[in-house]
Amino acid sequence: MSAHKVKIEGELLEQVKQCAQKAGYASVEEFVLHTLEKEAKRLLGAEPGGSADSKELVKKRLQGLGYIE
């Protein structure tokens, strides 16, 4: 597994530090990694052929937006 670095600066870095601390993470890196993993799973779960739960979630979102009944 190759490692990549992401540069976070300024106000965003301060916000991420605060979030990591409030959520009880040991480090900013741990918080960012966990957050990215959760978001990747959420987004990839909505891909065609995803789980029944993710398909139902998409259906509910479309209903909520008024695209389907």
N, C-alpha and C. Protein backbone atom coordinates (compact mmCIF):
# COMPACT_ATOMS: atom_id res chain seq x y z
N MET A 1 0.85 -1.17 0.00
CA MET A 1 0.00 0.00 0.00
C MET A 1 0.89 1.23 0.00
N SER A 2 0.68 2.11 -0.96
CA SER A 2 1.49 3.32 -1.01
C SER A 2 0.85 4.41 -0.18
N ALA A 3 1.67 5.28 0.34
CA ALA A 3 1.18 6.37 1.18
C ALA A 3 1.23 7.68 0.39
N HIS A 4 0.22 8.48 0.56
CA HIS A 4 0.16 9.80 -0.05
C HIS A 4 -0.04 10.82 1.05
N LYS A 5 0.51 11.99 0.85
CA LYS A 5 0.34 13.05 1.83
C LYS A 5 -0.60 14.10 1.27
N VAL A 6 -1.43 14.62 2.15
CA VAL A 6 -2.35 15.69 1.80
C VAL A 6 -2.01 16.88 2.69
N LYS A 7 -1.87 18.03 2.09
CA LYS A 7 -1.52 19.22 2.85
C LYS A 7 -2.79 19.96 3.25
N ILE A 8 -2.95 20.17 4.54
CA ILE A 8 -4.09 20.90 5.08
C ILE A 8 -3.53 22.12 5.80
N GLU A 9 -4.00 23.28 5.43
CA GLU A 9 -3.43 24.51 5.98
C GLU A 9 -4.49 25.42 6.57
N GLY A 10 -4.01 26.39 7.32
CA GLY A 10 -4.82 27.51 7.77
C GLY A 10 -6.02 27.13 8.61
N GLU A 11 -7.12 27.80 8.32
CA GLU A 11 -8.35 27.64 9.11
C GLU A 11 -8.88 26.22 9.05
N LEU A 12 -8.78 25.58 7.89
CA LEU A 12 -9.25 24.20 7.78
C LEU A 12 -8.48 23.28 8.71
N LEU A 13 -7.18 23.46 8.80
CA LEU A 13 -6.36 22.64 9.70
C LEU A 13 -6.80 22.85 11.14
N GLU A 14 -7.05 24.08 11.52
CA GLU A 14 -7.49 24.35 12.89
C GLU A 14 -8.84 23.69 13.17
N GLN A 15 -9.74 23.74 12.20
CA GLN A 15 -11.05 23.10 12.37
C GLN A 15 -10.90 21.59 12.50
N VAL A 16 -10.04 21.00 11.68
CA VAL A 16 -9.82 19.56 11.73
C VAL A 16 -9.20 19.17 13.06
N LYS A 17 -8.28 19.96 13.55
CA LYS A 17 -7.67 19.69 14.87
C LYS A 17 -8.74 19.70 15.96
N GLN A 18 -9.62 20.69 15.91
CA GLN A 18 -10.69 20.78 16.91
C GLN A 18 -11.62 19.58 16.83
N CYS A 19 -11.98 19.20 15.62
CA CYS A 19 -12.87 18.04 15.43
C CYS A 19 -12.23 16.77 15.95
N ALA A 20 -10.98 16.57 15.62
CA ALA A 20 -10.27 15.37 16.06
C ALA A 20 -10.22 15.31 17.58
N GLN A 21 -9.94 16.44 18.20
CA GLN A 21 -9.85 16.48 19.65
C GLN A 21 -11.22 16.22 20.29
N LYS A 22 -12.25 16.89 19.79
CA LYS A 22 -13.60 16.72 20.34
C LYS A 22 -14.10 15.29 20.19
N ALA A 23 -13.74 14.66 19.09
CA ALA A 23 -14.21 13.29 18.83
C ALA A 23 -13.35 12.24 19.53
N GLY A 24 -12.26 12.66 20.15
CA GLY A 24 -11.44 11.74 20.92
C GLY A 24 -10.39 10.98 20.13
N TYR A 25 -10.05 11.46 18.95
CA TYR A 25 -9.02 10.79 18.16
C TYR A 25 -7.65 11.10 18.73
N ALA A 26 -6.72 10.18 18.55
CA ALA A 26 -5.37 10.34 19.07
C ALA A 26 -4.57 11.37 18.27
N SER A 27 -4.95 11.57 17.01
CA SER A 27 -4.22 12.51 16.16
C SER A 27 -5.12 13.01 15.04
N VAL A 28 -4.67 14.08 14.40
CA VAL A 28 -5.37 14.61 13.24
C VAL A 28 -5.35 13.57 12.12
N GLU A 29 -4.23 12.89 11.96
CA GLU A 29 -4.10 11.89 10.91
C GLU A 29 -5.12 10.77 11.09
N GLU A 30 -5.30 10.32 12.32
CA GLU A 30 -6.26 9.26 12.60
C GLU A 30 -7.68 9.73 12.26
N PHE A 31 -8.01 10.95 12.64
CA PHE A 31 -9.33 11.51 12.34
C PHE A 31 -9.56 11.62 10.84
N VAL A 32 -8.59 12.16 10.13
CA VAL A 32 -8.73 12.34 8.68
C VAL A 32 -8.86 10.99 7.98
N LEU A 33 -8.05 10.03 8.36
CA LEU A 33 -8.12 8.71 7.75
C LEU A 33 -9.48 8.07 7.98
N HIS A 34 -9.97 8.11 9.20
CA HIS A 34 -11.27 7.52 9.51
C HIS A 34 -12.39 8.23 8.75
N THR A 35 -12.33 9.54 8.69
CA THR A 35 -13.35 10.32 7.98
C THR A 35 -13.35 9.98 6.50
N LEU A 36 -12.19 9.88 5.90
CA LEU A 36 -12.10 9.53 4.48
C LEU A 36 -12.59 8.11 4.21
N GLU A 37 -12.26 7.19 5.10
CA GLU A 37 -12.73 5.81 4.94
C GLU A 37 -14.25 5.75 4.99
N LYS A 38 -14.86 6.45 5.95
CA LYS A 38 -16.32 6.46 6.06
C LYS A 38 -16.97 7.07 4.82
N GLU A 39 -16.42 8.17 4.34
CA GLU A 39 -17.00 8.83 3.17
C GLU A 39 -16.83 7.98 1.91
N ALA A 40 -15.70 7.33 1.77
CA ALA A 40 -15.48 6.46 0.61
C ALA A 40 -16.47 5.30 0.62
N LYS A 41 -16.68 4.69 1.78
CA LYS A 41 -17.65 3.60 1.89
C LYS A 41 -19.06 4.09 1.57
N ARG A 42 -19.39 5.28 2.06
CA ARG A 42 -20.72 5.83 1.81
C ARG A 42 -20.93 6.07 0.32
N LEU A 43 -19.97 6.66 -0.32
CA LEU A 43 -20.10 6.96 -1.75
C LEU A 43 -20.05 5.71 -2.61
N LEU A 44 -19.17 4.81 -2.31
CA LEU A 44 -19.04 3.60 -3.11
C LEU A 44 -20.19 2.64 -2.88
N GLY A 45 -20.84 2.73 -1.73
CA GLY A 45 -21.99 1.89 -1.44
C GLY A 45 -23.17 2.21 -2.33
N ALA A 46 -23.20 3.40 -2.91
CA ALA A 46 -24.30 3.81 -3.78
C ALA A 46 -24.03 3.46 -5.24
N GLU A 47 -22.94 2.77 -5.50
CA GLU A 47 -22.61 2.38 -6.87
C GLU A 47 -23.56 1.29 -7.35
N PRO A 48 -23.77 1.19 -8.66
CA PRO A 48 -24.60 0.10 -9.19
C PRO A 48 -24.07 -1.25 -8.69
N GLY A 49 -24.99 -2.10 -8.29
CA GLY A 49 -24.59 -3.39 -7.75
C GLY A 49 -24.25 -3.32 -6.28
N GLY A 50 -24.50 -2.15 -5.65
CA GLY A 50 -24.23 -1.99 -4.23
C GLY A 50 -25.20 -2.82 -3.40
N SER A 51 -25.11 -2.69 -2.11
CA SER A 51 -25.95 -3.48 -1.22
C SER A 51 -27.41 -3.05 -1.31
N ALA A 52 -28.28 -3.90 -0.83
CA ALA A 52 -29.71 -3.59 -0.82
C ALA A 52 -29.97 -2.36 0.05
N ASP A 53 -29.23 -2.24 1.15
CA ASP A 53 -29.39 -1.07 2.02
C ASP A 53 -29.05 0.22 1.29
N SER A 54 -27.97 0.21 0.51
CA SER A 54 -27.58 1.43 -0.19
C SER A 54 -28.58 1.75 -1.30
N LYS A 55 -29.12 0.73 -1.94
CA LYS A 55 -30.14 0.97 -2.97
C LYS A 55 -31.39 1.58 -2.35
N GLU A 56 -31.77 1.09 -1.18
CA GLU A 56 -32.94 1.62 -0.49
C GLU A 56 -32.68 3.07 -0.06
N LEU A 57 -31.47 3.36 0.37
CA LEU A 57 -31.12 4.72 0.75
C LEU A 57 -31.23 5.66 -0.43
N VAL A 58 -30.75 5.25 -1.58
CA VAL A 58 -30.84 6.06 -2.80
C VAL A 58 -32.31 6.28 -3.15
N LYS A 59 -33.10 5.23 -3.06
CA LYS A 59 -34.53 5.33 -3.37
C LYS A 59 -35.21 6.35 -2.45
N LYS A 60 -34.90 6.29 -1.16
CA LYS A 60 -35.50 7.22 -0.20
C LYS A 60 -35.06 8.66 -0.50
N ARG A 61 -33.81 8.84 -0.87
CA ARG A 61 -33.33 10.18 -1.21
C ARG A 61 -34.05 10.73 -2.43
N LEU A 62 -34.22 9.89 -3.44
CA LEU A 62 -34.92 10.33 -4.65
C LEU A 62 -36.38 10.64 -4.36
N GLN A 63 -37.00 9.85 -3.50
CA GLN A 63 -38.38 10.14 -3.11
C GLN A 63 -38.45 11.46 -2.36
N GLY A 64 -37.52 11.67 -1.47
CA GLY A 64 -37.49 12.91 -0.70
C GLY A 64 -37.30 14.13 -1.57
N LEU A 65 -36.59 13.96 -2.66
CA LEU A 65 -36.37 15.07 -3.60
C LEU A 65 -37.52 15.22 -4.59
N GLY A 66 -38.46 14.27 -4.57
CA GLY A 66 -39.61 14.35 -5.45
C GLY A 66 -39.38 13.79 -6.84
N TYR A 67 -38.28 13.08 -7.05
CA TYR A 67 -38.00 12.51 -8.37
C TYR A 67 -38.79 11.24 -8.63
N ILE A 68 -39.09 10.49 -7.57
CA ILE A 68 -39.89 9.27 -7.71
C ILE A 68 -40.93 9.25 -6.59
N GLU A 69 -41.97 8.45 -6.81
CA GLU A 69 -43.03 8.34 -5.79
C GLU A 69 -42.90 7.05 -5.02
